[in-house]
C-alpha cells in the first residue's frame, strides 16, 4: 500500500542560507519577474515557509536523468524523465492513476516562487538525485518575450484544426474524419452515417454540428479551442 506524508514547515525550518542560495542561484534571474526579493547573500526573502510531500511507496525515479526527449515506444524504466520533463503525457498506461502527468503542475503553479524541488532516492543504484522545476510569468529575455507555458496552434484557418486532429487520431489507431466548410473536408453525410454505425470513432468538426444533431452513440465532446459564448458551449 502506498504511503504519503505532507508537512507544512515554517521559514525557520529552511536549510542554511548558503545551501538555499545555492539552490536558487540559477533561478534568481527568472524570479525577478515574479517580484521575489533576494538578500545580499542570494537568499530569497520568503517568510511563508514551504510544503514537503513524501511518497514512501516508490522505488525512486529510475532511468536516465539526462534524457530530454520521449523514449521509444515500449521503453520501460524512464520514470525520471516522465516525472520531470514531460507534461500532459506519461509512461503509464491503461487505468494507471496519474497517467496524464498533470498533477505535478499544481505544485509549481501554487508556489510563491513558481517552482518545486524534488529529491529521489533510487533503489536501482542507490543514488540521491535533486531536481528543480520552475515556471515564470510572461517575461523578456534578450528582448524576446516568452510565455510561462507552451501552447500550440495548428494554424489560422478553420480547416487546420480538424485536419490536424483527424490525422493525429488516425496515427493512434482511432478511425476519424474531419468535416468543415471548405476544400479538403470529408463528406458530411457519409461521415455522419459512419459515426452512427460505429465505423467512425471520432468526428473532428468546426462550426458544422452546433445544433440540430442527435447521435445517442456519442458519449463525449472534446473542445479543442476555447469559446466565450455560452450558447456555443452548451450546443
Protein backbone atom coordinates (compact mmCIF):
# COMPACT_ATOMS: atom_id res chain seq x y z
CA UNK A 1 0.00 0.00 0.00
CA UNK A 2 1.32 3.44 -0.93
CA UNK A 3 2.02 5.81 1.94
CA UNK A 4 2.21 9.57 1.62
CA UNK A 5 3.27 12.29 4.02
CA UNK A 6 2.51 16.00 3.91
CA UNK A 7 4.14 18.55 6.21
CA UNK A 8 3.91 22.35 6.24
CA UNK A 9 7.11 23.92 7.56
CA UNK A 10 7.75 27.46 8.70
CA UNK A 11 10.52 29.67 7.37
CA UNK A 12 12.71 28.74 10.34
CA UNK A 13 12.92 25.11 9.14
CA UNK A 14 14.68 26.01 5.91
CA UNK A 15 18.25 24.76 5.30
CA UNK A 16 21.14 27.14 5.94
CA UNK A 17 21.49 30.37 3.90
CA UNK A 18 24.45 29.08 1.87
CA UNK A 19 22.51 25.97 0.79
CA UNK A 20 19.36 27.94 -0.07
CA UNK A 21 21.39 30.45 -2.09
CA UNK A 22 22.98 27.55 -3.98
CA UNK A 23 19.58 26.05 -4.79
CA UNK A 24 18.21 29.34 -6.12
CA UNK A 25 21.33 30.70 -7.86
CA UNK A 26 20.20 29.73 -11.36
CA UNK A 27 16.60 30.68 -10.65
CA UNK A 28 17.37 34.18 -9.38
CA UNK A 29 17.34 35.99 -12.77
CA UNK A 30 13.98 34.47 -13.68
CA UNK A 31 12.43 35.07 -10.26
CA UNK A 32 12.95 38.81 -10.64
CA UNK A 33 9.90 38.62 -12.94
CA UNK A 34 7.87 37.24 -10.02
CA UNK A 35 8.92 40.11 -7.72
CA UNK A 36 10.80 37.78 -5.36
CA UNK A 37 13.38 39.80 -3.35
CA UNK A 38 16.85 38.40 -2.55
CA UNK A 39 19.24 39.49 0.20
CA UNK A 40 22.92 40.29 -0.31
CA UNK A 41 23.80 36.59 0.06
CA UNK A 42 21.45 35.47 -2.71
CA UNK A 43 18.78 34.06 -0.37
CA UNK A 44 15.15 34.64 -1.43
CA UNK A 45 13.18 36.52 1.20
CA UNK A 46 10.10 34.36 1.62
CA UNK A 47 8.50 34.35 5.06
CA UNK A 48 5.76 31.87 4.15
CA UNK A 49 7.54 28.57 4.70
CA UNK A 50 7.25 25.53 2.45
CA UNK A 51 5.30 22.32 1.91
CA UNK A 52 7.01 18.92 1.89
CA UNK A 53 5.34 15.93 0.20
CA UNK A 54 6.83 12.47 0.70
CA UNK A 55 5.93 9.26 -1.09
CA UNK A 56 7.14 6.23 0.84
CA UNK A 57 5.77 3.63 -1.53
CA UNK A 58 8.11 4.03 -4.52
CA UNK A 59 11.43 2.64 -5.68
CA UNK A 60 12.64 6.07 -6.75
CA UNK A 61 12.72 7.68 -10.18
CA UNK A 62 14.79 5.35 -12.32
CA UNK A 63 16.15 5.88 -15.82
CA UNK A 64 18.48 8.38 -17.42
CA UNK A 65 18.26 11.74 -15.58
CA UNK A 66 19.70 13.50 -18.65
CA UNK A 67 17.08 12.25 -21.11
CA UNK A 68 15.37 15.25 -22.74
CA UNK A 69 13.08 13.64 -25.35
CA UNK A 70 10.38 10.97 -25.32
CA UNK A 71 11.84 7.45 -25.12
CA UNK A 72 10.90 4.98 -27.87
CA UNK A 73 7.51 3.31 -27.53
CA UNK A 74 7.61 0.41 -25.14
CA UNK A 75 10.63 1.66 -23.22
CA UNK A 76 10.43 0.83 -19.52
CA UNK A 77 12.06 2.41 -16.51
CA UNK A 78 12.36 6.05 -17.64
CA UNK A 79 10.43 7.35 -14.63
CA UNK A 80 12.76 10.30 -14.04
CA UNK A 81 12.02 11.67 -17.50
CA UNK A 82 8.27 11.11 -17.26
CA UNK A 83 8.01 12.88 -13.92
CA UNK A 84 10.28 15.86 -14.51
CA UNK A 85 10.40 16.53 -18.23
CA UNK A 86 7.00 15.57 -19.59
CA UNK A 87 3.61 17.21 -19.05
CA UNK A 88 0.28 16.07 -20.46
CA UNK A 89 1.58 12.55 -21.12
CA UNK A 90 3.34 9.89 -19.08
CA UNK A 91 4.75 6.41 -19.34
CA UNK A 92 1.73 5.00 -17.51
CA UNK A 93 -0.94 3.15 -19.47
CA UNK A 94 -4.44 1.74 -19.11
CA UNK A 95 -6.15 2.67 -15.87
CA UNK A 96 -2.98 3.73 -14.03
CA UNK A 97 -3.62 6.80 -11.90
CA UNK A 98 -1.67 9.88 -12.95
CA UNK A 99 -1.14 8.63 -16.49
CA UNK A 100 -1.72 12.12 -17.93
CA UNK A 101 1.18 13.57 -15.94
CA UNK A 102 -0.66 16.77 -14.94
CA UNK A 103 -0.79 16.52 -11.14
CA UNK A 104 2.76 17.74 -10.65
CA UNK A 105 1.97 21.05 -12.36
CA UNK A 106 -0.10 22.04 -9.31
CA UNK A 107 2.95 22.36 -7.07
CA UNK A 108 4.84 24.96 -9.05
CA UNK A 109 1.62 26.73 -10.07
CA UNK A 110 0.71 27.20 -6.39
CA UNK A 111 4.22 28.13 -5.29
CA UNK A 112 5.02 31.75 -4.42
CA UNK A 113 8.30 31.34 -6.31
CA UNK A 114 6.74 29.28 -9.09
CA UNK A 115 8.94 26.27 -8.50
CA UNK A 116 9.36 22.98 -6.73
CA UNK A 117 12.39 20.92 -5.71
CA UNK A 118 12.36 17.14 -5.68
CA UNK A 119 14.68 14.57 -4.14
CA UNK A 120 14.55 10.95 -5.26
CA UNK A 121 16.39 8.03 -3.67
CA UNK A 122 16.73 5.33 -6.29
CA UNK A 123 16.52 1.66 -5.38
CA UNK A 124 18.23 0.64 -8.63
CA UNK A 125 21.59 2.31 -7.96
CA UNK A 126 21.25 3.95 -4.54
CA UNK A 127 21.75 7.44 -5.95
CA UNK A 128 20.13 10.50 -4.40
CA UNK A 129 19.20 12.99 -7.13
CA UNK A 130 17.92 16.54 -6.58
CA UNK A 131 15.97 18.24 -9.35
CA UNK A 132 14.12 21.54 -9.64
CA UNK A 133 11.42 22.87 -11.92
CA UNK A 134 10.15 26.43 -12.29
CA UNK A 135 7.57 28.40 -14.28
CA UNK A 136 7.91 32.13 -14.81
CA UNK A 137 5.45 34.83 -15.65
CA UNK A 138 5.37 36.36 -19.12
CA UNK A 139 8.81 37.92 -19.38
CA UNK A 140 11.50 39.16 -21.73
CA UNK A 141 14.98 37.78 -22.18
CA UNK A 142 17.40 39.36 -24.65
CA UNK A 143 14.49 41.49 -25.89
CA UNK A 144 12.40 38.42 -26.76
CA UNK A 145 9.11 37.88 -24.90
CA UNK A 146 8.41 34.42 -23.52
CA UNK A 147 5.19 32.94 -22.17
CA UNK A 148 5.34 30.94 -18.93
CA UNK A 149 3.86 27.84 -20.54
CA UNK A 150 3.96 26.43 -24.04
CA UNK A 151 0.90 26.50 -26.29
CA UNK A 152 0.39 25.18 -29.80
CA UNK A 153 -1.83 26.20 -32.66
CA UNK A 154 -2.24 24.37 -35.95
CA UNK A 155 -2.82 27.50 -37.99
CA UNK A 156 -5.16 30.38 -38.54
CA UNK A 157 -8.00 28.95 -40.63
CA UNK A 158 -10.92 26.64 -39.85
CA UNK A 159 -9.52 23.70 -41.79
CA UNK A 160 -6.24 23.34 -39.92
CA UNK A 161 -7.54 22.22 -36.54
CA UNK A 162 -9.94 19.42 -37.63
CA UNK A 163 -7.46 18.12 -40.21
CA UNK A 164 -4.65 18.08 -37.65
CA UNK A 165 -6.86 16.39 -35.05
CA UNK A 166 -8.11 13.79 -37.55
CA UNK A 167 -4.63 12.94 -38.82
CA UNK A 168 -3.25 12.72 -35.27
CA UNK A 169 -6.07 10.41 -34.17
CA UNK A 170 -5.50 8.19 -37.20
CA UNK A 171 -1.86 7.72 -36.21
CA UNK A 172 -3.16 6.48 -32.84
CA UNK A 173 -5.43 3.91 -34.49
CA UNK A 174 -8.66 5.88 -33.95
CA UNK A 175 -10.93 5.88 -37.01
CA UNK A 176 -11.71 9.55 -37.64
CA UNK A 177 -12.99 12.06 -40.17
CA UNK A 178 -12.74 15.85 -40.47
CA UNK A 179 -15.81 17.88 -41.51
CA UNK A 180 -15.76 21.62 -42.09
CA UNK A 181 -16.83 24.20 -44.64
CA UNK A 182 -14.21 24.27 -47.35
CA UNK A 183 -11.94 22.29 -49.61
CA UNK A 184 -10.43 19.13 -48.15
CA UNK A 185 -13.35 18.25 -45.88
CA UNK A 186 -14.54 14.68 -45.62
CA UNK A 187 -18.11 14.03 -46.82
CA UNK A 188 -20.66 15.48 -44.38
CA UNK A 189 -23.40 12.90 -44.96
CA UNK A 190 -21.09 9.90 -45.26
CA UNK A 191 -19.22 10.87 -42.08
CA UNK A 192 -22.49 11.17 -40.13
CA UNK A 193 -23.64 7.73 -41.24
CA UNK A 194 -20.26 6.17 -40.45
CA UNK A 195 -20.40 7.73 -36.98
CA UNK A 196 -23.94 6.45 -36.39
CA UNK A 197 -22.99 2.93 -37.49
CA UNK A 198 -19.91 2.86 -35.29
CA UNK A 199 -17.47 2.67 -38.19
CA UNK A 200 -16.08 6.06 -37.10
CA UNK A 201 -14.85 6.53 -33.55
CA UNK A 202 -14.29 10.29 -33.78
CA UNK A 203 -15.52 13.21 -35.85
CA UNK A 204 -13.45 16.42 -35.90
CA UNK A 205 -15.55 19.44 -36.89
CA UNK A 206 -15.61 23.25 -36.92
CA UNK A 207 -18.98 25.08 -36.71
CA UNK A 208 -20.88 22.31 -38.51
CA UNK A 209 -22.86 20.50 -35.82
CA UNK A 210 -23.63 23.27 -33.35
CA UNK A 211 -27.34 22.42 -33.28
CA UNK A 212 -29.95 20.03 -34.70
CA UNK A 213 -27.81 16.89 -34.44
CA UNK A 214 -28.59 13.99 -32.12
CA UNK A 215 -26.47 10.86 -32.17
CA UNK A 216 -27.09 8.83 -28.97
CA UNK A 217 -23.93 6.79 -29.52
CA UNK A 218 -21.74 9.89 -28.97
CA UNK A 219 -20.57 9.71 -25.36
CA UNK A 220 -18.19 12.67 -25.19
CA UNK A 221 -17.32 16.01 -26.75
CA UNK A 222 -13.81 17.48 -26.63
CA UNK A 223 -13.47 21.20 -27.41
CA UNK A 224 -10.08 21.93 -28.96
CA UNK A 225 -10.42 25.69 -28.95
CA UNK A 226 -11.86 27.99 -26.26
CA UNK A 227 -15.10 29.92 -26.64
CA UNK A 228 -16.56 32.77 -24.60
CA UNK A 229 -20.04 32.09 -25.99
CA UNK A 230 -22.27 30.25 -23.51
CA UNK A 231 -24.66 29.32 -26.34
CA UNK A 232 -21.90 27.76 -28.44
CA UNK A 233 -20.54 25.90 -25.42
CA UNK A 234 -23.93 24.42 -24.48
CA UNK A 235 -24.77 23.48 -28.07
